[in-house]
N, C-alpha and C. Protein backbone atom coordinates (compact mmCIF):
# COMPACT_ATOMS: atom_id res chain seq x y z
N VAL A 1 -5.42 29.84 11.01
CA VAL A 1 -5.94 28.90 10.03
C VAL A 1 -4.82 28.10 9.38
N CYS A 2 -3.67 28.73 9.09
CA CYS A 2 -2.55 28.00 8.49
C CYS A 2 -2.06 26.88 9.40
N ALA A 3 -2.07 27.12 10.69
CA ALA A 3 -1.60 26.11 11.64
C ALA A 3 -2.47 24.85 11.56
N GLU A 4 -3.77 25.03 11.31
CA GLU A 4 -4.66 23.87 11.17
C GLU A 4 -4.26 23.03 9.96
N TYR A 5 -3.93 23.68 8.85
CA TYR A 5 -3.51 22.94 7.65
C TYR A 5 -2.13 22.32 7.85
N GLU A 6 -1.22 23.02 8.53
CA GLU A 6 0.10 22.47 8.77
C GLU A 6 0.04 21.24 9.67
N ALA A 7 -0.96 21.17 10.53
CA ALA A 7 -1.13 20.00 11.40
C ALA A 7 -1.49 18.76 10.58
N ILE A 8 -2.16 18.96 9.46
CA ILE A 8 -2.52 17.84 8.58
C ILE A 8 -1.28 17.31 7.88
N GLY A 9 -0.38 18.17 7.48
CA GLY A 9 0.83 17.77 6.80
C GLY A 9 1.14 18.72 5.66
N THR A 10 2.33 18.53 5.10
CA THR A 10 2.71 19.37 3.97
C THR A 10 1.93 18.93 2.74
N LEU A 11 1.96 19.76 1.72
CA LEU A 11 1.28 19.42 0.47
C LEU A 11 1.82 18.11 -0.10
N GLU A 12 3.12 17.91 -0.03
CA GLU A 12 3.73 16.68 -0.53
C GLU A 12 3.26 15.46 0.27
N GLU A 13 3.17 15.58 1.59
CA GLU A 13 2.69 14.47 2.43
C GLU A 13 1.24 14.13 2.10
N VAL A 14 0.44 15.13 1.86
CA VAL A 14 -0.97 14.90 1.51
C VAL A 14 -1.05 14.21 0.15
N LYS A 15 -0.25 14.65 -0.82
CA LYS A 15 -0.23 14.01 -2.15
C LYS A 15 0.16 12.54 -2.04
N GLN A 16 1.17 12.25 -1.21
CA GLN A 16 1.62 10.87 -1.03
C GLN A 16 0.52 10.02 -0.38
N ALA A 17 -0.19 10.59 0.58
CA ALA A 17 -1.27 9.85 1.24
C ALA A 17 -2.39 9.55 0.26
N VAL A 18 -2.74 10.51 -0.58
CA VAL A 18 -3.79 10.29 -1.58
C VAL A 18 -3.35 9.21 -2.56
N GLU A 19 -2.09 9.23 -2.97
CA GLU A 19 -1.58 8.22 -3.91
C GLU A 19 -1.63 6.82 -3.29
N ARG A 20 -1.32 6.69 -1.99
CA ARG A 20 -1.38 5.39 -1.32
C ARG A 20 -2.80 4.85 -1.23
N MET A 21 -3.79 5.72 -1.29
CA MET A 21 -5.19 5.29 -1.20
C MET A 21 -5.69 4.69 -2.51
N LYS A 22 -4.97 4.91 -3.62
CA LYS A 22 -5.34 4.33 -4.91
C LYS A 22 -4.89 2.88 -4.91
N PRO A 23 -5.83 1.93 -5.11
CA PRO A 23 -5.46 0.52 -5.03
C PRO A 23 -4.46 0.12 -6.12
N LYS A 24 -3.44 -0.64 -5.71
CA LYS A 24 -2.44 -1.15 -6.64
C LYS A 24 -2.30 -2.64 -6.42
N LYS A 25 -2.08 -3.37 -7.50
CA LYS A 25 -1.92 -4.81 -7.42
C LYS A 25 -0.58 -5.16 -6.80
N PRO A 26 -0.57 -6.09 -5.84
CA PRO A 26 0.70 -6.53 -5.27
C PRO A 26 1.51 -7.31 -6.31
N ILE A 27 2.79 -7.38 -6.09
CA ILE A 27 3.68 -8.15 -6.95
C ILE A 27 3.58 -9.60 -6.50
N THR A 28 3.14 -10.48 -7.38
CA THR A 28 2.98 -11.90 -7.03
C THR A 28 3.98 -12.74 -7.81
N TYR A 29 4.21 -13.94 -7.31
CA TYR A 29 5.17 -14.86 -7.91
C TYR A 29 4.46 -16.19 -8.19
N ASP A 30 4.60 -16.69 -9.41
CA ASP A 30 3.90 -17.91 -9.83
C ASP A 30 4.27 -19.13 -9.01
N ILE A 31 5.48 -19.21 -8.54
CA ILE A 31 5.93 -20.43 -7.87
C ILE A 31 5.73 -20.43 -6.37
N SER A 32 5.13 -19.37 -5.82
CA SER A 32 4.94 -19.33 -4.37
C SER A 32 3.68 -18.57 -4.00
N ASN A 33 3.39 -18.55 -2.73
CA ASN A 33 2.23 -17.84 -2.19
C ASN A 33 2.62 -16.42 -1.75
N ILE A 34 3.86 -16.04 -1.96
CA ILE A 34 4.37 -14.75 -1.48
C ILE A 34 3.93 -13.63 -2.42
N ALA A 35 3.65 -12.46 -1.83
CA ALA A 35 3.35 -11.26 -2.60
C ALA A 35 4.00 -10.07 -1.91
N ASP A 36 4.45 -9.12 -2.71
CA ASP A 36 5.13 -7.94 -2.18
C ASP A 36 4.37 -6.67 -2.54
N CYS A 37 4.56 -5.66 -1.72
CA CYS A 37 3.95 -4.35 -1.95
C CYS A 37 4.55 -3.73 -3.22
N PRO A 38 3.71 -3.19 -4.11
CA PRO A 38 4.24 -2.58 -5.33
C PRO A 38 4.94 -1.24 -5.08
N LYS A 39 4.72 -0.65 -3.92
CA LYS A 39 5.31 0.66 -3.62
C LYS A 39 6.64 0.53 -2.89
N CYS A 40 6.67 -0.26 -1.81
CA CYS A 40 7.89 -0.31 -0.97
C CYS A 40 8.60 -1.66 -1.02
N GLY A 41 7.96 -2.70 -1.58
CA GLY A 41 8.60 -4.01 -1.69
C GLY A 41 8.46 -4.90 -0.47
N ALA A 42 7.77 -4.43 0.58
CA ALA A 42 7.59 -5.26 1.77
C ALA A 42 6.68 -6.44 1.47
N MET A 43 6.91 -7.56 2.15
CA MET A 43 6.06 -8.73 1.96
C MET A 43 4.66 -8.44 2.51
N VAL A 44 3.66 -8.63 1.67
CA VAL A 44 2.27 -8.39 2.09
C VAL A 44 1.46 -9.68 2.18
N ARG A 45 2.04 -10.79 1.71
CA ARG A 45 1.40 -12.09 1.86
C ARG A 45 2.49 -13.15 1.85
N GLY A 46 2.36 -14.10 2.76
CA GLY A 46 3.31 -15.19 2.84
C GLY A 46 2.65 -16.39 3.51
N ILE A 47 3.45 -17.36 3.88
CA ILE A 47 2.92 -18.58 4.48
C ILE A 47 2.14 -18.27 5.75
N PHE A 48 2.69 -17.46 6.61
CA PHE A 48 2.03 -17.12 7.88
C PHE A 48 1.44 -15.72 7.88
N LYS A 49 1.38 -15.10 6.74
CA LYS A 49 0.86 -13.73 6.64
C LYS A 49 -0.28 -13.74 5.62
N PRO A 50 -1.52 -13.58 6.05
CA PRO A 50 -2.66 -13.63 5.14
C PRO A 50 -2.79 -12.35 4.31
N PHE A 51 -3.75 -12.40 3.38
CA PHE A 51 -4.07 -11.22 2.58
C PHE A 51 -4.42 -10.06 3.51
N GLY A 52 -4.06 -8.87 3.14
CA GLY A 52 -4.45 -7.67 3.86
C GLY A 52 -4.83 -6.59 2.85
N ASP A 53 -5.62 -5.66 3.26
CA ASP A 53 -6.03 -4.59 2.34
C ASP A 53 -4.97 -3.50 2.22
N TRP A 54 -4.05 -3.43 3.18
CA TRP A 54 -3.05 -2.38 3.22
C TRP A 54 -1.69 -2.96 3.51
N CYS A 55 -0.64 -2.35 2.98
CA CYS A 55 0.72 -2.73 3.33
C CYS A 55 0.99 -2.21 4.74
N SER A 56 1.48 -3.07 5.61
CA SER A 56 1.72 -2.66 6.99
C SER A 56 2.96 -1.78 7.12
N LYS A 57 3.79 -1.73 6.10
CA LYS A 57 5.00 -0.90 6.18
C LYS A 57 4.75 0.52 5.66
N CYS A 58 4.14 0.66 4.46
CA CYS A 58 4.00 2.00 3.88
C CYS A 58 2.56 2.48 3.78
N GLY A 59 1.59 1.59 3.99
CA GLY A 59 0.18 1.99 3.95
C GLY A 59 -0.46 1.94 2.59
N GLN A 60 0.22 1.40 1.58
CA GLN A 60 -0.36 1.32 0.24
C GLN A 60 -1.59 0.43 0.26
N TYR A 61 -2.68 0.91 -0.35
CA TYR A 61 -3.91 0.12 -0.48
C TYR A 61 -3.68 -0.92 -1.56
N LEU A 62 -4.05 -2.17 -1.30
CA LEU A 62 -3.77 -3.28 -2.21
C LEU A 62 -5.03 -3.79 -2.89
N ASP A 63 -4.90 -4.10 -4.16
CA ASP A 63 -6.00 -4.63 -4.97
C ASP A 63 -5.72 -6.11 -5.25
N TRP A 64 -6.48 -6.99 -4.60
CA TRP A 64 -6.26 -8.43 -4.73
C TRP A 64 -7.15 -9.06 -5.79
N THR A 65 -7.89 -8.29 -6.57
CA THR A 65 -8.76 -8.88 -7.59
C THR A 65 -7.92 -9.59 -8.65
N GLU A 66 -8.50 -10.61 -9.22
CA GLU A 66 -7.79 -11.42 -10.22
C GLU A 66 -8.01 -10.90 -11.63
N GLY A 67 -6.98 -11.02 -12.45
CA GLY A 67 -7.06 -10.83 -13.89
C GLY A 67 -7.57 -9.52 -14.42
N GLU A 68 -7.34 -8.44 -13.79
CA GLU A 68 -7.81 -7.16 -14.32
C GLU A 68 -6.64 -6.30 -14.73
């Protein structure tokens, strides 16, 4: 039974995965269309990169709603 849980990941890995599933607002800049991931800093929106629900680098779920 322990091997089945170990296949899922360590407790820390599971905690990190749960935290990434909580939506976070991307870091946006007033003077451009660029936005960065609030967790790892990777670009999540740019001129040739449309909105996405997840950061492609770290997997953070992104909240694109306005003004909340």
